[in-house]
Amino acid sequence: MKTIQDCIQFTNENPICQLATVEGDQPRVRILGF
């Protein structure tokens, strides 16, 4: 299991990521920047 510190470290090391979701039958990819 990951700790919140692991999540914070990952976010700091990877400030731009892509999140894939599905809306109905349409796939979506969103770019997130932290």
PDB file of N, CA and C in Angstrom:
ATOM      1  N   MET A   1       0.845  -1.172   0.000  1.00  0.00           N
ATOM      2  CA  MET A   1       0.000   0.000   0.000  1.00  0.00           C
ATOM      3  C   MET A   1       0.898   1.246   0.000  1.00  0.00           C
ATOM      4  N   LYS A   2       0.493   2.231  -0.751  1.00  0.00           N
ATOM      5  CA  LYS A   2       1.237   3.487  -0.839  1.00  0.00           C
ATOM      6  C   LYS A   2       0.768   4.456   0.236  1.00  0.00           C
ATOM      7  N   THR A   3       1.696   5.282   0.679  1.00  0.00           N
ATOM      8  CA  THR A   3       1.349   6.316   1.650  1.00  0.00           C
ATOM      9  C   THR A   3       1.059   7.618   0.910  1.00  0.00           C
ATOM     10  N   ILE A   4       0.510   8.575   1.612  1.00  0.00           N
ATOM     11  CA  ILE A   4       0.252   9.884   1.011  1.00  0.00           C
ATOM     12  C   ILE A   4       1.561  10.533   0.597  1.00  0.00           C
ATOM     13  N   GLN A   5       2.630  10.267   1.342  1.00  0.00           N
ATOM     14  CA  GLN A   5       3.941  10.813   0.973  1.00  0.00           C
ATOM     15  C   GLN A   5       4.401  10.246  -0.368  1.00  0.00           C
ATOM     16  N   ASP A   6       4.128   8.958  -0.626  1.00  0.00           N
ATOM     17  CA  ASP A   6       4.463   8.359  -1.922  1.00  0.00           C
ATOM     18  C   ASP A   6       3.694   9.052  -3.042  1.00  0.00           C
ATOM     19  N   CYS A   7       2.425   9.356  -2.800  1.00  0.00           N
ATOM     20  CA  CYS A   7       1.600  10.039  -3.807  1.00  0.00           C
ATOM     21  C   CYS A   7       2.121  11.448  -4.070  1.00  0.00           C
ATOM     22  N   ILE A   8       2.489  12.158  -3.012  1.00  0.00           N
ATOM     23  CA  ILE A   8       3.021  13.515  -3.169  1.00  0.00           C
ATOM     24  C   ILE A   8       4.339  13.483  -3.929  1.00  0.00           C
ATOM     25  N   GLN A   9       5.200  12.538  -3.597  1.00  0.00           N
ATOM     26  CA  GLN A   9       6.483  12.420  -4.284  1.00  0.00           C
ATOM     27  C   GLN A   9       6.264  12.111  -5.764  1.00  0.00           C
ATOM     28  N   PHE A  10       5.355  11.188  -6.080  1.00  0.00           N
ATOM     29  CA  PHE A  10       5.071  10.849  -7.473  1.00  0.00           C
ATOM     30  C   PHE A  10       4.567  12.069  -8.235  1.00  0.00           C
ATOM     31  N   THR A  11       3.663  12.830  -7.628  1.00  0.00           N
ATOM     32  CA  THR A  11       3.124  14.028  -8.274  1.00  0.00           C
ATOM     33  C   THR A  11       4.214  15.066  -8.506  1.00  0.00           C
ATOM     34  N   ASN A  12       5.100  15.240  -7.540  1.00  0.00           N
ATOM     35  CA  ASN A  12       6.197  16.194  -7.698  1.00  0.00           C
ATOM     36  C   ASN A  12       7.172  15.767  -8.791  1.00  0.00           C
ATOM     37  N   GLU A  13       7.397  14.473  -8.925  1.00  0.00           N
ATOM     38  CA  GLU A  13       8.321  13.966  -9.938  1.00  0.00           C
ATOM     39  C   GLU A  13       7.688  13.926 -11.326  1.00  0.00           C
ATOM     40  N   ASN A  14       6.353  13.891 -11.399  1.00  0.00           N
ATOM     41  CA  ASN A  14       5.626  13.784 -12.664  1.00  0.00           C
ATOM     42  C   ASN A  14       4.508  14.824 -12.690  1.00  0.00           C
ATOM     43  N   PRO A  15       4.846  16.107 -12.866  1.00  0.00           N
ATOM     44  CA  PRO A  15       3.829  17.159 -12.743  1.00  0.00           C
ATOM     45  C   PRO A  15       2.789  17.148 -13.865  1.00  0.00           C
ATOM     46  N   ILE A  16       3.090  16.556 -14.999  1.00  0.00           N
ATOM     47  CA  ILE A  16       2.132  16.460 -16.098  1.00  0.00           C
ATOM     48  C   ILE A  16       1.794  14.983 -16.293  1.00  0.00           C
ATOM     49  N   CYS A  17       0.500  14.660 -16.288  1.00  0.00           N
ATOM     50  CA  CYS A  17       0.095  13.275 -16.517  1.00  0.00           C
ATOM     51  C   CYS A  17      -1.177  13.261 -17.358  1.00  0.00           C
ATOM     52  N   GLN A  18      -1.553  12.080 -17.806  1.00  0.00           N
ATOM     53  CA  GLN A  18      -2.750  11.907 -18.617  1.00  0.00           C
ATOM     54  C   GLN A  18      -3.699  10.974 -17.882  1.00  0.00           C
ATOM     55  N   LEU A  19      -4.974  11.358 -17.849  1.00  0.00           N
ATOM     56  CA  LEU A  19      -6.003  10.568 -17.190  1.00  0.00           C
ATOM     57  C   LEU A  19      -6.997  10.111 -18.242  1.00  0.00           C
ATOM     58  N   ALA A  20      -7.174   8.804 -18.374  1.00  0.00           N
ATOM     59  CA  ALA A  20      -8.112   8.256 -19.351  1.00  0.00           C
ATOM     60  C   ALA A  20      -9.401   7.850 -18.645  1.00  0.00           C
ATOM     61  N   THR A  21     -10.542   8.284 -19.209  1.00  0.00           N
ATOM     62  CA  THR A  21     -11.857   7.943 -18.676  1.00  0.00           C
ATOM     63  C   THR A  21     -12.780   7.595 -19.838  1.00  0.00           C
ATOM     64  N   VAL A  22     -13.981   7.166 -19.511  1.00  0.00           N
ATOM     65  CA  VAL A  22     -15.001   6.882 -20.519  1.00  0.00           C
ATOM     66  C   VAL A  22     -16.269   7.618 -20.117  1.00  0.00           C
ATOM     67  N   GLU A  23     -16.850   8.355 -21.067  1.00  0.00           N
ATOM     68  CA  GLU A  23     -18.139   9.016 -20.864  1.00  0.00           C
ATOM     69  C   GLU A  23     -19.129   8.352 -21.807  1.00  0.00           C
ATOM     70  N   GLY A  24     -20.012   7.546 -21.227  1.00  0.00           N
ATOM     71  CA  GLY A  24     -20.921   6.782 -22.075  1.00  0.00           C
ATOM     72  C   GLY A  24     -20.111   5.757 -22.852  1.00  0.00           C
ATOM     73  N   ASP A  25     -20.081   5.918 -24.181  1.00  0.00           N
ATOM     74  CA  ASP A  25     -19.267   5.020 -25.003  1.00  0.00           C
ATOM     75  C   ASP A  25     -18.087   5.745 -25.642  1.00  0.00           C
ATOM     76  N   GLN A  26     -17.807   6.969 -25.170  1.00  0.00           N
ATOM     77  CA  GLN A  26     -16.722   7.777 -25.733  1.00  0.00           C
ATOM     78  C   GLN A  26     -15.514   7.810 -24.788  1.00  0.00           C
ATOM     79  N   PRO A  27     -14.372   7.340 -25.275  1.00  0.00           N
ATOM     80  CA  PRO A  27     -13.168   7.465 -24.450  1.00  0.00           C
ATOM     81  C   PRO A  27     -12.673   8.905 -24.432  1.00  0.00           C
ATOM     82  N   ARG A  28     -12.134   9.307 -23.319  1.00  0.00           N
ATOM     83  CA  ARG A  28     -11.581  10.656 -23.165  1.00  0.00           C
ATOM     84  C   ARG A  28     -10.217  10.536 -22.506  1.00  0.00           C
ATOM     85  N   VAL A  29      -9.283  11.368 -22.952  1.00  0.00           N
ATOM     86  CA  VAL A  29      -7.974  11.468 -22.309  1.00  0.00           C
ATOM     87  C   VAL A  29      -7.772  12.926 -21.952  1.00  0.00           C
ATOM     88  N   ARG A  30      -7.525  13.160 -20.682  1.00  0.00           N
ATOM     89  CA  ARG A  30      -7.344  14.525 -20.197  1.00  0.00           C
ATOM     90  C   ARG A  30      -5.917  14.696 -19.698  1.00  0.00           C
ATOM     91  N   ILE A  31      -5.332  15.825 -20.047  1.00  0.00           N
ATOM     92  CA  ILE A  31      -4.000  16.167 -19.577  1.00  0.00           C
ATOM     93  C   ILE A  31      -4.147  16.926 -18.258  1.00  0.00           C
ATOM     94  N   LEU A  32      -3.436  16.487 -17.245  1.00  0.00           N
ATOM     95  CA  LEU A  32      -3.485  17.138 -15.939  1.00  0.00           C
ATOM     96  C   LEU A  32      -2.104  17.677 -15.596  1.00  0.00           C
ATOM     97  N   GLY A  33      -2.076  18.878 -15.077  1.00  0.00           N
ATOM     98  CA  GLY A  33      -0.821  19.466 -14.626  1.00  0.00           C
ATOM     99  C   GLY A  33      -0.941  19.856 -13.166  1.00  0.00           C
ATOM    100  N   PHE A  34       0.037  19.480 -12.385  1.00  0.00           N
ATOM    101  CA  PHE A  34       0.021  19.786 -10.948  1.00  0.00           C
ATOM    102  C   PHE A  34       1.118  20.751 -10.612  1.00  0.00           C
TER     103      PHE A  34
END
